[in-house]
Amino acid sequence: MADVSEQERLAHTTMKPDQPLHGDERGAVARIADAKLQTMPLPLELRFATTHYDNLDVRVDPALRTLWYYMDPVEAPSYTPGLLADLSRLRGHIQSLFGRDEGEQPLLYLVNGSKVPGIFNLGGDLGYFGQHIREKDREGLRRYALDCVDLVYSSSMSLDLPIVLISLVRGDALGGGFEAAMASDMIIAERSAKFGLPEILFNLFPGMGAYSFLSRRLDPTRATKMIMGGQIYTADALFEMGLVDLVVEDGQGEAAVREFIARHTRKHMIYRTLREVKRRVNPLTHQELIDVVDLWVEAAMQLEDADLRKIDRLRMAQTKRLEVARTQMREKAS
């Protein structure tokens, strides 16, 4: 950790945007800037507008007291270490707002979406998996998985704040993407969205909350069937099962979220209270998720070369999908 003089030097560096920074300097500058911004008396929307995230696009709607964050991955359309770090920073920023005595509650809703056309999130970082399994780096793989379940658990507990979390799913939510959506209080999906747990294709199981959430939302038998089947489900199919709360036509997702918030803000307290009742009747503990992660790590370390080659092929396919989506976004923008 930098000493006082080093912090002052780095803080001064933040005043020179044209000066190149490297590795540790960038991280230190970001931490100092974050600390300063969160203590400044700025309007809510400016506190986030002045904070940079490499893998997120964050917006605030003060009128609806809603924060929207869209995943905008740099490396892969999955939960890379970079995206996990940005999500952790965002969580800290949101929690810091509620540590102030400023009268009206700053946020009522948190909405999670994606900027990538056709992709919500494709799950775990397959490149990271393959590398650490081949290197027999059990602890490195476990640390990554624990980072994932820490954020999933935090979402399932609404960041320990009096807010409601909504996942807006447009495109594919697979593996960890599906798990993350289920950790929210509500899922609103556009009709073309797809959901699934494909890990069985390479002899693994989804280890960051899938069974915990499915067995509570459905039952253990159907949870096992979904995990072992590796089937891809439509938004309508999951709505019929009770896993998706609302299905809307493509392109109408954001409007549907805003309409829901506008219509239900007066019922916000009741919604949160019923959520607390559900948690007390059927609680999910952080330790449960950690125990499952340890089982997942043991299973992952037993994967054979054929399984790892399947992971490699899926990773390349995901990377290609992201490249195609980026091209579509550039063409649309032009």
C-alpha atoms as a PDB file:
ATOM      1  CA  MET A   1       0.000   0.000   0.000  1.00  0.00           C
ATOM      2  CA  ALA A   2       1.357   3.400  -0.960  1.00  0.00           C
ATOM      3  CA  ASP A   3       2.543   5.684   1.878  1.00  0.00           C
ATOM      4  CA  VAL A   4       1.223   9.237   2.316  1.00  0.00           C
ATOM      5  CA  SER A   5       3.783  10.866   0.053  1.00  0.00           C
ATOM      6  CA  GLU A   6       3.178   8.272  -2.628  1.00  0.00           C
ATOM      7  CA  GLN A   7      -0.574   8.784  -2.387  1.00  0.00           C
ATOM      8  CA  GLU A   8      -0.095  12.515  -2.788  1.00  0.00           C
ATOM      9  CA  ARG A   9       2.060  11.948  -5.848  1.00  0.00           C
ATOM     10  CA  LEU A  10      -0.528   9.637  -7.399  1.00  0.00           C
ATOM     11  CA  ALA A  11      -3.384  11.956  -6.497  1.00  0.00           C
ATOM     12  CA  HIS A  12      -1.518  14.749  -8.259  1.00  0.00           C
ATOM     13  CA  THR A  13      -1.139  12.436 -11.242  1.00  0.00           C
ATOM     14  CA  THR A  14      -4.923  12.236 -11.564  1.00  0.00           C
ATOM     15  CA  MET A  15      -4.883  15.911 -12.538  1.00  0.00           C
ATOM     16  CA  LYS A  16      -2.890  15.051 -15.675  1.00  0.00           C
ATOM     17  CA  PRO A  17      -5.118  12.896 -17.904  1.00  0.00           C
ATOM     18  CA  ASP A  18      -2.567  12.894 -20.727  1.00  0.00           C
ATOM     19  CA  GLN A  19       0.152  11.333 -18.581  1.00  0.00           C
ATOM     20  CA  PRO A  20       0.573   7.557 -19.181  1.00  0.00           C
ATOM     21  CA  LEU A  21       0.089   5.363 -16.113  1.00  0.00           C
ATOM     22  CA  HIS A  22       1.089   1.772 -15.580  1.00  0.00           C
ATOM     23  CA  GLY A  23      -0.256  -1.221 -13.626  1.00  0.00           C
ATOM     24  CA  ASP A  24      -0.078  -0.429  -9.918  1.00  0.00           C
ATOM     25  CA  GLU A  25      -0.230   3.324 -10.539  1.00  0.00           C
ATOM     26  CA  ARG A  26      -3.537   3.015 -12.384  1.00  0.00           C
ATOM     27  CA  GLY A  27      -5.003   0.916  -9.572  1.00  0.00           C
ATOM     28  CA  ALA A  28      -3.781   3.302  -6.874  1.00  0.00           C
ATOM     29  CA  VAL A  29      -5.077   6.346  -8.756  1.00  0.00           C
ATOM     30  CA  ALA A  30      -8.470   4.688  -9.219  1.00  0.00           C
ATOM     31  CA  ARG A  31      -8.734   3.910  -5.501  1.00  0.00           C
ATOM     32  CA  ILE A  32      -7.777   7.454  -4.492  1.00  0.00           C
ATOM     33  CA  ALA A  33     -10.139   8.992  -7.041  1.00  0.00           C
ATOM     34  CA  ASP A  34     -12.970   6.697  -5.901  1.00  0.00           C
ATOM     35  CA  ALA A  35     -12.456   7.697  -2.268  1.00  0.00           C
ATOM     36  CA  LYS A  36     -12.470  11.401  -3.154  1.00  0.00           C
ATOM     37  CA  LEU A  37     -15.554  11.186  -5.370  1.00  0.00           C
ATOM     38  CA  GLN A  38     -17.582   9.258  -2.811  1.00  0.00           C
ATOM     39  CA  THR A  39     -17.001  11.953  -0.174  1.00  0.00           C
ATOM     40  CA  MET A  40     -17.648  14.957  -2.417  1.00  0.00           C
ATOM     41  CA  PRO A  41     -21.079  16.649  -2.167  1.00  0.00           C
ATOM     42  CA  LEU A  42     -22.020  15.841  -5.772  1.00  0.00           C
ATOM     43  CA  PRO A  43     -25.487  15.099  -7.152  1.00  0.00           C
ATOM     44  CA  LEU A  44     -26.159  11.361  -7.256  1.00  0.00           C
ATOM     45  CA  GLU A  45     -25.838  11.057 -11.037  1.00  0.00           C
ATOM     46  CA  LEU A  46     -22.502  12.911 -11.085  1.00  0.00           C
ATOM     47  CA  ARG A  47     -20.928  10.648  -8.473  1.00  0.00           C
ATOM     48  CA  PHE A  48     -21.196   7.748 -10.914  1.00  0.00           C
ATOM     49  CA  ALA A  49     -20.722   9.724 -14.124  1.00  0.00           C
ATOM     50  CA  THR A  50     -17.274  10.767 -12.908  1.00  0.00           C
ATOM     51  CA  THR A  51     -16.244   7.213 -11.988  1.00  0.00           C
ATOM     52  CA  HIS A  52     -14.669   5.072 -14.706  1.00  0.00           C
ATOM     53  CA  TYR A  53     -15.271   1.338 -15.056  1.00  0.00           C
ATOM     54  CA  ASP A  54     -13.460  -0.613 -17.760  1.00  0.00           C
ATOM     55  CA  ASN A  55     -16.205  -3.233 -18.138  1.00  0.00           C
ATOM     56  CA  LEU A  56     -19.357  -1.401 -17.078  1.00  0.00           C
ATOM     57  CA  ASP A  57     -21.536   1.428 -18.319  1.00  0.00           C
ATOM     58  CA  VAL A  58     -23.241   2.985 -15.278  1.00  0.00           C
ATOM     59  CA  ARG A  59     -26.142   5.411 -15.440  1.00  0.00           C
ATOM     60  CA  VAL A  60     -28.419   6.941 -12.822  1.00  0.00           C
ATOM     61  CA  ASP A  61     -32.055   7.958 -13.182  1.00  0.00           C
ATOM     62  CA  PRO A  62     -32.617  10.378 -10.264  1.00  0.00           C
ATOM     63  CA  ALA A  63     -36.348  10.675 -10.951  1.00  0.00           C
ATOM     64  CA  LEU A  64     -36.902   6.949 -10.434  1.00  0.00           C
ATOM     65  CA  ARG A  65     -34.042   6.664  -7.922  1.00  0.00           C
ATOM     66  CA  THR A  66     -32.650   3.853 -10.059  1.00  0.00           C
ATOM     67  CA  LEU A  67     -29.088   2.934 -10.967  1.00  0.00           C
ATOM     68  CA  TRP A  68     -28.608   1.036 -14.220  1.00  0.00           C
ATOM     69  CA  TYR A  69     -25.395  -0.826 -14.914  1.00  0.00           C
ATOM     70  CA  TYR A  70     -24.700  -2.510 -18.208  1.00  0.00           C
ATOM     71  CA  MET A  71     -21.964  -5.094 -18.620  1.00  0.00           C
ATOM     72  CA  ASP A  72     -19.635  -3.982 -21.419  1.00  0.00           C
ATOM     73  CA  PRO A  73     -16.813  -6.568 -21.381  1.00  0.00           C
ATOM     74  CA  VAL A  74     -13.385  -5.786 -22.756  1.00  0.00           C
ATOM     75  CA  GLU A  75     -11.903  -9.292 -23.092  1.00  0.00           C
ATOM     76  CA  ALA A  76     -14.752 -11.812 -23.209  1.00  0.00           C
ATOM     77  CA  PRO A  77     -18.560 -11.815 -22.775  1.00  0.00           C
ATOM     78  CA  SER A  78     -18.218 -13.550 -19.417  1.00  0.00           C
ATOM     79  CA  TYR A  79     -17.309 -12.871 -15.801  1.00  0.00           C
ATOM     80  CA  THR A  80     -13.644 -12.087 -16.332  1.00  0.00           C
ATOM     81  CA  PRO A  81     -11.504 -10.979 -13.376  1.00  0.00           C
ATOM     82  CA  GLY A  82     -11.719  -7.433 -14.758  1.00  0.00           C
ATOM     83  CA  LEU A  83     -15.526  -7.456 -14.795  1.00  0.00           C
ATOM     84  CA  LEU A  84     -15.620  -8.980 -11.301  1.00  0.00           C
ATOM     85  CA  ALA A  85     -13.320  -6.212 -10.043  1.00  0.00           C
ATOM     86  CA  ASP A  86     -15.524  -3.511 -11.578  1.00  0.00           C
ATOM     87  CA  LEU A  87     -18.662  -5.068 -10.083  1.00  0.00           C
ATOM     88  CA  SER A  88     -17.000  -5.173  -6.681  1.00  0.00           C
ATOM     89  CA  ARG A  89     -16.042  -1.472  -6.968  1.00  0.00           C
ATOM     90  CA  LEU A  90     -19.568  -0.555  -8.018  1.00  0.00           C
ATOM     91  CA  ARG A  91     -21.006  -2.451  -5.067  1.00  0.00           C
ATOM     92  CA  GLY A  92     -18.744  -0.490  -2.730  1.00  0.00           C
ATOM     93  CA  HIS A  93     -19.777   2.817  -4.285  1.00  0.00           C
ATOM     94  CA  ILE A  94     -23.476   1.998  -3.928  1.00  0.00           C
ATOM     95  CA  GLN A  95     -23.085   0.867  -0.325  1.00  0.00           C
ATOM     96  CA  SER A  96     -21.196   4.067   0.515  1.00  0.00           C
ATOM     97  CA  LEU A  97     -24.233   6.134  -0.526  1.00  0.00           C
ATOM     98  CA  PHE A  98     -26.293   4.543   2.207  1.00  0.00           C
ATOM     99  CA  GLY A  99     -23.734   5.398   4.870  1.00  0.00           C
ATOM    100  CA  ARG A 100     -24.700   9.054   4.652  1.00  0.00           C
ATOM    101  CA  ASP A 101     -27.436  10.816   6.584  1.00  0.00           C
ATOM    102  CA  GLU A 102     -28.868  12.822   3.708  1.00  0.00           C
ATOM    103  CA  GLY A 103     -32.589  12.358   4.235  1.00  0.00           C
ATOM    104  CA  GLU A 104     -34.342  10.558   1.389  1.00  0.00           C
ATOM    105  CA  GLN A 105     -33.061   7.108   0.466  1.00  0.00           C
ATOM    106  CA  PRO A 106     -30.693   7.675  -2.512  1.00  0.00           C
ATOM    107  CA  LEU A 107     -31.635   4.570  -4.509  1.00  0.00           C
ATOM    108  CA  LEU A 108     -34.630   2.271  -4.610  1.00  0.00           C
ATOM    109  CA  TYR A 109     -33.718   0.045  -7.559  1.00  0.00           C
ATOM    110  CA  LEU A 110     -30.586  -1.417  -9.134  1.00  0.00           C
ATOM    111  CA  VAL A 111     -30.913  -2.731 -12.691  1.00  0.00           C
ATOM    112  CA  ASN A 112     -28.364  -5.079 -14.272  1.00  0.00           C
ATOM    113  CA  GLY A 113     -28.167  -5.417 -18.054  1.00  0.00           C
ATOM    114  CA  SER A 114     -25.730  -5.775 -20.934  1.00  0.00           C
ATOM    115  CA  LYS A 115     -24.604  -3.535 -23.789  1.00  0.00           C
ATOM    116  CA  VAL A 116     -23.578  -6.453 -26.012  1.00  0.00           C
ATOM    117  CA  PRO A 117     -26.220  -7.321 -28.647  1.00  0.00           C
ATOM    118  CA  GLY A 118     -27.492 -10.868 -28.220  1.00  0.00           C
ATOM    119  CA  ILE A 119     -25.499 -11.537 -25.039  1.00  0.00           C
ATOM    120  CA  PHE A 120     -26.388 -10.914 -21.408  1.00  0.00           C
ATOM    121  CA  ASN A 121     -23.452 -12.907 -20.030  1.00  0.00           C
ATOM    122  CA  LEU A 122     -22.046 -16.301 -21.019  1.00  0.00           C
ATOM    123  CA  GLY A 123     -20.816 -17.275 -17.565  1.00  0.00           C
ATOM    124  CA  GLY A 124     -17.431 -18.163 -16.190  1.00  0.00           C
ATOM    125  CA  ASP A 125     -14.189 -17.070 -17.836  1.00  0.00           C
ATOM    126  CA  LEU A 126     -13.389 -20.223 -19.811  1.00  0.00           C
ATOM    127  CA  GLY A 127      -9.906 -19.042 -20.733  1.00  0.00           C
ATOM    128  CA  TYR A 128      -9.150 -18.529 -17.056  1.00  0.00           C
ATOM    129  CA  PHE A 129     -10.593 -21.950 -16.215  1.00  0.00           C
ATOM    130  CA  GLY A 130      -8.522 -23.764 -18.810  1.00  0.00           C
ATOM    131  CA  GLN A 131      -5.278 -22.023 -17.906  1.00  0.00           C
ATOM    132  CA  HIS A 132      -5.530 -22.666 -14.161  1.00  0.00           C
ATOM    133  CA  ILE A 133      -6.672 -26.257 -14.558  1.00  0.00           C
ATOM    134  CA  ARG A 134      -3.781 -27.033 -16.897  1.00  0.00           C
ATOM    135  CA  GLU A 135      -1.346 -25.368 -14.503  1.00  0.00           C
ATOM    136  CA  LYS A 136      -2.837 -27.335 -11.576  1.00  0.00           C
ATOM    137  CA  ASP A 137      -3.411 -23.990  -9.848  1.00  0.00           C
ATOM    138  CA  ARG A 138      -6.166 -25.080  -7.499  1.00  0.00           C
ATOM    139  CA  GLU A 139      -5.935 -22.010  -5.261  1.00  0.00           C
ATOM    140  CA  GLY A 140      -6.007 -19.583  -8.182  1.00  0.00           C
ATOM    141  CA  LEU A 141      -9.151 -21.251  -9.523  1.00  0.00           C
ATOM    142  CA  ARG A 142     -10.729 -21.260  -6.066  1.00  0.00           C
ATOM    143  CA  ARG A 143      -9.999 -17.549  -5.535  1.00  0.00           C
ATOM    144  CA  TYR A 144     -11.743 -16.732  -8.814  1.00  0.00           C
ATOM    145  CA  ALA A 145     -14.754 -18.873  -7.886  1.00  0.00           C
ATOM    146  CA  LEU A 146     -14.958 -17.277  -4.435  1.00  0.00           C
ATOM    147  CA  ASP A 147     -14.952 -13.824  -6.031  1.00  0.00           C
ATOM    148  CA  CYS A 148     -17.895 -14.963  -8.152  1.00  0.00           C
ATOM    149  CA  VAL A 149     -19.958 -16.331  -5.267  1.00  0.00           C
ATOM    150  CA  ASP A 150     -19.142 -13.313  -3.114  1.00  0.00           C
ATOM    151  CA  LEU A 151     -20.833 -11.084  -5.686  1.00  0.00           C
ATOM    152  CA  VAL A 152     -23.658 -13.562  -6.297  1.00  0.00           C
ATOM    153  CA  TYR A 153     -24.373 -13.827  -2.594  1.00  0.00           C
ATOM    154  CA  SER A 154     -24.201 -10.060  -2.191  1.00  0.00           C
ATOM    155  CA  SER A 155     -26.759  -9.699  -5.000  1.00  0.00           C
ATOM    156  CA  SER A 156     -29.005 -12.351  -3.439  1.00  0.00           C
ATOM    157  CA  MET A 157     -28.976 -10.254  -0.258  1.00  0.00           C
ATOM    158  CA  SER A 158     -29.634  -7.016  -2.193  1.00  0.00           C
ATOM    159  CA  LEU A 159     -26.201  -5.709  -1.146  1.00  0.00           C
ATOM    160  CA  ASP A 160     -27.555  -5.645   2.438  1.00  0.00           C
ATOM    161  CA  LEU A 161     -29.450  -2.503   1.437  1.00  0.00           C
ATOM    162  CA  PRO A 162     -33.155  -1.551   1.223  1.00  0.00           C
ATOM    163  CA  ILE A 163     -33.130  -1.748  -2.574  1.00  0.00           C
ATOM    164  CA  VAL A 164     -34.621  -4.057  -5.200  1.00  0.00           C
ATOM    165  CA  LEU A 165     -32.352  -5.700  -7.789  1.00  0.00           C
ATOM    166  CA  ILE A 166     -33.705  -6.297 -11.295  1.00  0.00           C
ATOM    167  CA  SER A 167     -31.931  -8.254 -14.028  1.00  0.00           C
ATOM    168  CA  LEU A 168     -32.860  -7.103 -17.521  1.00  0.00           C
ATOM    169  CA  VAL A 169     -31.935 -10.027 -19.764  1.00  0.00           C
ATOM    170  CA  ARG A 170     -31.550  -9.375 -23.462  1.00  0.00           C
ATOM    171  CA  GLY A 171     -29.725 -12.149 -25.324  1.00  0.00           C
ATOM    172  CA  ASP A 172     -28.104 -15.246 -23.852  1.00  0.00           C
ATOM    173  CA  ALA A 173     -27.708 -15.755 -20.112  1.00  0.00           C
ATOM    174  CA  LEU A 174     -25.707 -18.956 -19.794  1.00  0.00           C
ATOM    175  CA  GLY A 175     -23.901 -20.612 -16.899  1.00  0.00           C
ATOM    176  CA  GLY A 176     -22.811 -17.894 -14.502  1.00  0.00           C
ATOM    177  CA  GLY A 177     -24.906 -15.378 -16.437  1.00  0.00           C
ATOM    178  CA  PHE A 178     -28.027 -17.380 -15.575  1.00  0.00           C
ATOM    179  CA  GLU A 179     -26.842 -17.762 -11.968  1.00  0.00           C
ATOM    180  CA  ALA A 180     -26.279 -14.006 -11.637  1.00  0.00           C
ATOM    181  CA  ALA A 181     -29.750 -13.265 -13.006  1.00  0.00           C
ATOM    182  CA  MET A 182     -31.337 -15.688 -10.531  1.00  0.00           C
ATOM    183  CA  ALA A 183     -29.506 -13.920  -7.679  1.00  0.00           C
ATOM    184  CA  SER A 184     -31.524 -10.763  -8.334  1.00  0.00           C
ATOM    185  CA  ASP A 185     -34.970 -10.077  -6.922  1.00  0.00           C
ATOM    186  CA  MET A 186     -36.638  -9.998 -10.310  1.00  0.00           C
ATOM    187  CA  ILE A 187     -35.891 -11.066 -13.892  1.00  0.00           C
ATOM    188  CA  ILE A 188     -37.401  -9.159 -16.798  1.00  0.00           C
ATOM    189  CA  ALA A 189     -36.471 -10.783 -20.118  1.00  0.00           C
ATOM    190  CA  GLU A 190     -36.995  -9.902 -23.738  1.00  0.00           C
ATOM    191  CA  ARG A 191     -38.666 -12.674 -25.691  1.00  0.00           C
ATOM    192  CA  SER A 192     -35.580 -13.756 -27.682  1.00  0.00           C
ATOM    193  CA  ALA A 193     -33.490 -14.206 -24.513  1.00  0.00           C
ATOM    194  CA  LYS A 194     -32.092 -17.674 -23.885  1.00  0.00           C
ATOM    195  CA  PHE A 195     -31.110 -19.271 -20.593  1.00  0.00           C
ATOM    196  CA  GLY A 196     -29.119 -22.402 -19.820  1.00  0.00           C
ATOM    197  CA  LEU A 197     -26.487 -24.228 -17.824  1.00  0.00           C
ATOM    198  CA  PRO A 198     -24.214 -25.817 -20.443  1.00  0.00           C
ATOM    199  CA  GLU A 199     -21.354 -26.847 -18.123  1.00  0.00           C
ATOM    200  CA  ILE A 200     -22.317 -30.516 -18.442  1.00  0.00           C
ATOM    201  CA  LEU A 201     -20.989 -30.342 -22.029  1.00  0.00           C
ATOM    202  CA  PHE A 202     -17.448 -30.400 -20.642  1.00  0.00           C
ATOM    203  CA  ASN A 203     -18.178 -32.689 -17.653  1.00  0.00           C
ATOM    204  CA  LEU A 204     -18.583 -29.964 -15.087  1.00  0.00           C
ATOM    205  CA  PHE A 205     -21.514 -28.473 -13.208  1.00  0.00           C
ATOM    206  CA  PRO A 206     -22.441 -24.813 -12.548  1.00  0.00           C
ATOM    207  CA  GLY A 207     -20.813 -24.150  -9.191  1.00  0.00           C
ATOM    208  CA  MET A 208     -21.613 -20.521  -8.407  1.00  0.00           C
ATOM    209  CA  GLY A 209     -25.153 -20.819  -7.093  1.00  0.00           C
ATOM    210  CA  ALA A 210     -27.243 -22.590  -9.750  1.00  0.00           C
ATOM    211  CA  TYR A 211     -28.369 -25.523  -7.608  1.00  0.00           C
ATOM    212  CA  SER A 212     -28.901 -23.299  -4.564  1.00  0.00           C
ATOM    213  CA  PHE A 213     -31.162 -20.919  -6.475  1.00  0.00           C
ATOM    214  CA  LEU A 214     -32.987 -23.518  -8.584  1.00  0.00           C
ATOM    215  CA  SER A 215     -33.719 -25.849  -5.680  1.00  0.00           C
ATOM    216  CA  ARG A 216     -35.319 -22.921  -3.829  1.00  0.00           C
ATOM    217  CA  ARG A 217     -37.181 -21.426  -6.783  1.00  0.00           C
ATOM    218  CA  LEU A 218     -38.301 -24.832  -8.124  1.00  0.00           C
ATOM    219  CA  ASP A 219     -37.377 -28.006  -6.238  1.00  0.00           C
ATOM    220  CA  PRO A 220     -34.296 -30.281  -5.970  1.00  0.00           C
ATOM    221  CA  THR A 221     -35.566 -32.732  -8.606  1.00  0.00           C
ATOM    222  CA  ARG A 222     -36.113 -30.123 -11.308  1.00  0.00           C
ATOM    223  CA  ALA A 223     -32.892 -28.346 -10.328  1.00  0.00           C
ATOM    224  CA  THR A 224     -30.921 -31.552 -10.910  1.00  0.00           C
ATOM    225  CA  LYS A 225     -32.718 -32.179 -14.200  1.00  0.00           C
ATOM    226  CA  MET A 226     -31.877 -28.711 -15.518  1.00  0.00           C
ATOM    227  CA  ILE A 227     -28.218 -29.007 -14.546  1.00  0.00           C
ATOM    228  CA  MET A 228     -27.754 -32.514 -15.917  1.00  0.00           C
ATOM    229  CA  GLY A 229     -29.712 -31.843 -19.113  1.00  0.00           C
ATOM    230  CA  GLY A 230     -27.732 -28.823 -20.283  1.00  0.00           C
ATOM    231  CA  GLN A 231     -30.836 -27.637 -22.136  1.00  0.00           C
ATOM    232  CA  ILE A 232     -31.269 -24.101 -23.461  1.00  0.00           C
ATOM    233  CA  TYR A 233     -34.572 -22.523 -22.407  1.00  0.00           C
ATOM    234  CA  THR A 234     -36.569 -19.663 -23.867  1.00  0.00           C
ATOM    235  CA  ALA A 235     -37.733 -16.752 -21.758  1.00  0.00           C
ATOM    236  CA  ASP A 236     -41.337 -17.908 -22.173  1.00  0.00           C
ATOM    237  CA  ALA A 237     -40.474 -21.408 -20.952  1.00  0.00           C
ATOM    238  CA  LEU A 238     -38.828 -20.038 -17.814  1.00  0.00           C
ATOM    239  CA  PHE A 239     -41.750 -17.687 -17.250  1.00  0.00           C
ATOM    240  CA  GLU A 240     -44.054 -20.708 -17.191  1.00  0.00           C
ATOM    241  CA  MET A 241     -41.704 -22.338 -14.658  1.00  0.00           C
ATOM    242  CA  GLY A 242     -41.703 -19.220 -12.479  1.00  0.00           C
ATOM    243  CA  LEU A 243     -37.996 -18.436 -12.964  1.00  0.00           C
ATOM    244  CA  VAL A 244     -38.597 -15.326 -15.095  1.00  0.00           C
ATOM    245  CA  ASP A 245     -40.993 -12.719 -13.733  1.00  0.00           C
ATOM    246  CA  LEU A 246     -41.909 -10.838 -16.895  1.00  0.00           C
ATOM    247  CA  VAL A 247     -41.388 -11.408 -20.634  1.00  0.00           C
ATOM    248  CA  VAL A 248     -41.658  -8.493 -23.064  1.00  0.00           C
ATOM    249  CA  GLU A 249     -41.119  -8.066 -26.772  1.00  0.00           C
ATOM    250  CA  ASP A 250     -37.612  -7.502 -28.084  1.00  0.00           C
ATOM    251  CA  GLY A 251     -36.502  -3.905 -27.767  1.00  0.00           C
ATOM    252  CA  GLN A 252     -39.040  -3.189 -25.005  1.00  0.00           C
ATOM    253  CA  GLY A 253     -36.947  -4.332 -22.027  1.00  0.00           C
ATOM    254  CA  GLU A 254     -35.820  -0.950 -20.731  1.00  0.00           C
ATOM    255  CA  ALA A 255     -39.279   0.561 -21.136  1.00  0.00           C
ATOM    256  CA  ALA A 256     -40.774  -2.407 -19.270  1.00  0.00           C
ATOM    257  CA  VAL A 257     -38.359  -1.936 -16.373  1.00  0.00           C
ATOM    258  CA  ARG A 258     -39.160   1.764 -16.140  1.00  0.00           C
ATOM    259  CA  GLU A 259     -42.897   1.058 -16.272  1.00  0.00           C
ATOM    260  CA  PHE A 260     -42.577  -1.576 -13.528  1.00  0.00           C
ATOM    261  CA  ILE A 261     -40.610   0.806 -11.301  1.00  0.00           C
ATOM    262  CA  ALA A 262     -43.015   3.697 -11.891  1.00  0.00           C
ATOM    263  CA  ARG A 263     -46.033   1.514 -11.089  1.00  0.00           C
ATOM    264  CA  HIS A 264     -44.567  -0.250  -8.051  1.00  0.00           C
ATOM    265  CA  THR A 265     -42.483   2.389  -6.266  1.00  0.00           C
ATOM    266  CA  ARG A 266     -45.266   2.947  -3.719  1.00  0.00           C
ATOM    267  CA  LYS A 267     -45.188  -0.804  -2.997  1.00  0.00           C
ATOM    268  CA  HIS A 268     -41.415  -0.847  -2.599  1.00  0.00           C
ATOM    269  CA  MET A 269     -41.518  -1.410   1.153  1.00  0.00           C
ATOM    270  CA  ILE A 270     -44.034  -4.259   0.884  1.00  0.00           C
ATOM    271  CA  TYR A 271     -41.974  -5.903  -1.856  1.00  0.00           C
ATOM    272  CA  ARG A 272     -38.847  -5.745   0.305  1.00  0.00           C
ATOM    273  CA  THR A 273     -40.690  -7.051   3.358  1.00  0.00           C
ATOM    274  CA  LEU A 274     -42.025 -10.084   1.475  1.00  0.00           C
ATOM    275  CA  ARG A 275     -38.514 -10.699   0.192  1.00  0.00           C
ATOM    276  CA  GLU A 276     -37.241 -10.757   3.769  1.00  0.00           C
ATOM    277  CA  VAL A 277     -39.984 -13.221   4.700  1.00  0.00           C
ATOM    278  CA  LYS A 278     -38.864 -15.522   1.887  1.00  0.00           C
ATOM    279  CA  ARG A 279     -35.240 -15.300   3.013  1.00  0.00           C
ATOM    280  CA  ARG A 280     -36.133 -16.201   6.582  1.00  0.00           C
ATOM    281  CA  VAL A 281     -38.338 -19.116   5.561  1.00  0.00           C
ATOM    282  CA  ASN A 282     -35.805 -20.509   3.073  1.00  0.00           C
ATOM    283  CA  PRO A 283     -32.434 -18.872   3.826  1.00  0.00           C
ATOM    284  CA  LEU A 284     -29.350 -19.043   1.635  1.00  0.00           C
ATOM    285  CA  THR A 285     -26.032 -18.720   3.439  1.00  0.00           C
ATOM    286  CA  HIS A 286     -22.690 -17.577   2.118  1.00  0.00           C
ATOM    287  CA  GLN A 287     -21.146 -20.723   3.579  1.00  0.00           C
ATOM    288  CA  GLU A 288     -23.429 -22.921   1.470  1.00  0.00           C
ATOM    289  CA  LEU A 289     -22.121 -21.252  -1.688  1.00  0.00           C
ATOM    290  CA  ILE A 290     -18.516 -21.611  -0.499  1.00  0.00           C
ATOM    291  CA  ASP A 291     -19.027 -25.315   0.220  1.00  0.00           C
ATOM    292  CA  VAL A 292     -20.376 -25.842  -3.302  1.00  0.00           C
ATOM    293  CA  VAL A 293     -17.436 -23.907  -4.754  1.00  0.00           C
ATOM    294  CA  ASP A 294     -15.016 -26.277  -3.045  1.00  0.00           C
ATOM    295  CA  LEU A 295     -16.818 -29.240  -4.625  1.00  0.00           C
ATOM    296  CA  TRP A 296     -16.747 -27.450  -7.990  1.00  0.00           C
ATOM    297  CA  VAL A 297     -12.996 -26.797  -7.752  1.00  0.00           C
ATOM    298  CA  GLU A 298     -12.329 -30.462  -6.987  1.00  0.00           C
ATOM    299  CA  ALA A 299     -14.409 -31.506  -9.991  1.00  0.00           C
ATOM    300  CA  ALA A 300     -12.751 -28.933 -12.259  1.00  0.00           C
ATOM    301  CA  MET A 301      -9.266 -30.123 -11.334  1.00  0.00           C
ATOM    302  CA  GLN A 302     -10.239 -33.625 -12.495  1.00  0.00           C
ATOM    303  CA  LEU A 303     -11.153 -32.568 -16.049  1.00  0.00           C
ATOM    304  CA  GLU A 304      -9.312 -34.430 -18.772  1.00  0.00           C
ATOM    305  CA  ASP A 305      -7.642 -33.132 -21.924  1.00  0.00           C
ATOM    306  CA  ALA A 306     -10.743 -33.841 -24.027  1.00  0.00           C
ATOM    307  CA  ASP A 307     -12.825 -31.724 -21.659  1.00  0.00           C
ATOM    308  CA  LEU A 308     -10.284 -28.903 -21.731  1.00  0.00           C
ATOM    309  CA  ARG A 309     -10.293 -28.932 -25.531  1.00  0.00           C
ATOM    310  CA  LYS A 310     -14.087 -28.482 -25.440  1.00  0.00           C
ATOM    311  CA  ILE A 311     -13.591 -25.534 -23.097  1.00  0.00           C
ATOM    312  CA  ASP A 312     -11.069 -24.062 -25.553  1.00  0.00           C
ATOM    313  CA  ARG A 313     -13.507 -24.402 -28.456  1.00  0.00           C
ATOM    314  CA  LEU A 314     -16.325 -22.799 -26.489  1.00  0.00           C
ATOM    315  CA  ARG A 315     -14.017 -19.967 -25.455  1.00  0.00           C
ATOM    316  CA  MET A 316     -13.059 -19.285 -29.080  1.00  0.00           C
ATOM    317  CA  ALA A 317     -16.723 -19.343 -30.092  1.00  0.00           C
ATOM    318  CA  GLN A 318     -17.553 -16.853 -27.333  1.00  0.00           C
ATOM    319  CA  THR A 319     -14.710 -14.567 -28.391  1.00  0.00           C
ATOM    320  CA  LYS A 320     -15.960 -14.691 -31.974  1.00  0.00           C
ATOM    321  CA  ARG A 321     -19.472 -13.825 -30.845  1.00  0.00           C
ATOM    322  CA  LEU A 322     -18.159 -10.789 -28.996  1.00  0.00           C
ATOM    323  CA  GLU A 323     -16.214  -9.648 -32.067  1.00  0.00           C
ATOM    324  CA  VAL A 324     -19.318  -9.971 -34.244  1.00  0.00           C
ATOM    325  CA  ALA A 325     -21.412  -8.092 -31.683  1.00  0.00           C
ATOM    326  CA  ARG A 326     -18.816  -5.299 -31.477  1.00  0.00           C
ATOM    327  CA  THR A 327     -18.882  -4.995 -35.273  1.00  0.00           C
ATOM    328  CA  GLN A 328     -22.669  -4.726 -35.210  1.00  0.00           C
ATOM    329  CA  MET A 329     -22.481  -2.013 -32.547  1.00  0.00           C
ATOM    330  CA  ARG A 330     -19.949   0.012 -34.574  1.00  0.00           C
ATOM    331  CA  GLU A 331     -22.040  -0.314 -37.753  1.00  0.00           C
ATOM    332  CA  LYS A 332     -25.173   0.758 -35.892  1.00  0.00           C
ATOM    333  CA  ALA A 333     -23.386   3.735 -34.358  1.00  0.00           C
ATOM    334  CA  SER A 334     -22.120   4.891 -37.747  1.00  0.00           C
END
